[in-house]
Protein backbone atom coordinates (compact mmCIF):
# COMPACT_ATOMS: atom_id res chain seq x y z
CA MET A 1 46.03 -4.79 40.51
CA PRO A 2 43.63 -2.14 38.98
CA PHE A 3 46.22 0.82 39.52
CA HIS A 4 48.95 -1.40 37.96
CA THR A 5 46.61 -1.86 34.84
CA VAL A 6 46.27 1.90 34.52
CA ILE A 7 49.83 2.63 34.61
CA CYS A 8 50.44 -0.05 31.93
CA LEU A 9 48.16 1.49 30.04
CA LEU A 10 49.58 4.66 30.38
CA VAL A 11 52.79 3.23 29.25
CA LEU A 12 51.44 1.42 26.44
CA ASP A 13 50.81 5.04 24.79
CA MET A 14 48.52 3.99 22.11
CA ARG A 15 44.82 5.04 21.44
CA ALA A 16 43.55 1.55 21.97
CA SER A 17 45.07 1.56 25.56
CA PHE A 18 43.71 5.16 26.28
CA GLU A 19 40.03 3.66 25.25
CA ARG A 20 40.25 1.17 27.96
CA LEU A 21 41.40 3.83 30.65
CA ALA A 22 38.00 4.60 31.52
CA GLU A 23 36.94 1.05 32.57
CA ALA A 24 40.44 0.70 34.43
CA MET A 25 39.47 3.83 36.46
CA HIS A 26 35.87 2.57 36.73
CA THR A 27 37.31 -0.49 38.65
CA SER A 28 39.83 1.35 40.31
CA ARG A 29 37.43 3.77 41.89
CA LEU A 30 35.06 0.55 42.66
CA VAL A 31 37.89 -1.37 44.38
CA ALA A 32 38.18 1.80 46.41
CA SER A 33 35.03 2.20 47.34
CA VAL A 34 34.68 -1.40 48.64
CA TYR A 35 37.53 -1.70 50.19
CA ALA A 36 37.93 1.65 51.98
CA MET A 37 41.30 1.32 52.89
CA ASP A 38 43.80 4.39 52.86
CA THR A 39 46.02 2.23 51.00
CA MET A 40 43.43 2.01 48.18
CA LYS A 41 42.31 5.65 48.09
CA ASN A 42 45.59 6.35 47.24
CA ALA A 43 46.04 4.23 44.73
CA CYS A 44 42.89 5.20 42.69
CA ARG A 45 43.91 9.18 43.52
CA THR A 46 47.49 8.51 42.50
CA ALA A 47 46.08 6.97 39.48
CA GLU A 48 44.21 9.97 38.60
CA LEU A 49 46.92 12.35 39.33
CA LEU A 50 49.31 10.48 36.62
CA ILE A 51 46.36 10.44 33.94
CA LEU A 52 46.48 14.10 34.41
CA LEU A 53 50.26 14.77 34.36
CA TYR A 54 50.39 12.24 31.41
CA GLN A 55 47.74 14.81 29.87
CA ARG A 56 49.51 17.82 30.50
CA ARG A 57 52.63 16.27 28.90
CA ARG A 58 50.62 15.42 25.88
CA ARG A 59 49.48 19.37 26.03
CA ASP A 60 53.14 20.26 25.96
CA ASP A 61 53.99 18.07 23.17
CA ILE A 62 51.35 19.49 21.22
CA LYS A 63 52.43 22.89 21.77
CA ILE A 64 55.99 22.09 20.91
CA LEU A 65 54.73 20.80 17.48
CA ASP A 66 52.32 23.46 16.99
CA ASP A 67 55.09 25.97 17.33
CA LEU A 68 57.38 23.82 14.85
CA ILE A 69 54.23 24.12 12.11
CA SER A 70 54.13 28.00 12.66
CA MET A 71 57.73 28.38 12.36
CA HIS A 72 57.71 26.20 9.49
CA GLU A 73 54.90 28.52 7.89
CA GLU A 74 56.60 31.76 8.38
CA ARG A 75 59.71 30.51 7.05
CA THR A 76 57.84 29.42 3.92
CA GLU A 77 55.99 32.80 3.58
CA ALA A 78 59.01 34.47 4.12
CA THR A 79 61.03 32.51 1.60
CA VAL A 80 59.76 30.64 -1.30
CA GLN A 81 56.34 29.49 -1.65
CA GLN A 82 57.29 25.99 -2.10
CA PRO A 83 56.56 23.34 0.64
CA VAL A 84 59.15 22.12 2.32
CA TRP A 85 57.10 19.24 3.91
CA PRO A 86 57.08 15.95 1.66
CA ASP A 87 54.40 15.27 -0.47
CA PRO A 88 51.47 12.93 0.71
CA ASP A 89 52.64 10.80 -2.36
CA GLN A 90 55.86 10.40 -1.02
CA LEU A 91 54.56 9.30 2.41
CA SER A 92 52.93 6.19 1.02
CA TRP A 93 55.54 3.97 2.90
CA VAL A 94 54.61 5.46 6.50
CA GLU A 95 50.90 4.34 6.04
CA ASN A 96 52.35 1.07 5.05
CA LEU A 97 54.52 1.12 8.52
CA VAL A 98 51.27 2.15 10.61
CA VAL A 99 49.27 -0.54 8.91
CA GLY A 100 52.00 -2.93 10.11
CA ILE A 101 51.82 -1.92 13.71
CA PRO A 102 49.25 -4.18 15.78
CA SER A 103 46.44 -2.63 17.84
CA LEU A 104 45.36 -3.87 21.53
CA GLU A 105 42.07 -5.49 19.93
CA GLY A 106 43.64 -8.94 19.62
CA ILE A 107 45.62 -8.72 23.02
CA GLY A 108 44.35 -11.40 25.86
CA PHE A 109 44.74 -9.04 28.71
CA GLU A 110 44.04 -11.76 31.20
CA GLN A 111 47.32 -13.38 29.60
CA LEU A 112 49.19 -10.16 29.56
CA PHE A 113 48.58 -9.48 33.43
CA SER A 114 48.63 -13.26 34.93
């Protein structure tokens, strides 16, 4: 079950779920140490590997975004000095949208996994 919890937290892909990964991995390691079977050890190692792969993917995503921003800055400097990106005042609707997204604070994980 701890392995599945780690997978679900990664799939949720939210800051609140990432904050719970440490506890899930601690539980996974504890279960693997108490039930010293190869299956449990492999599940723990696989969960660690999946977290590392997820981290690598996120780094690659950040590099893509960094490259995009760099290209934008180069174009802006080469052409007109006016920004193409929207004004922060124009993005207030995004803030309202983000406020409407629920966090994991109110989710009862016991209900979710039972």
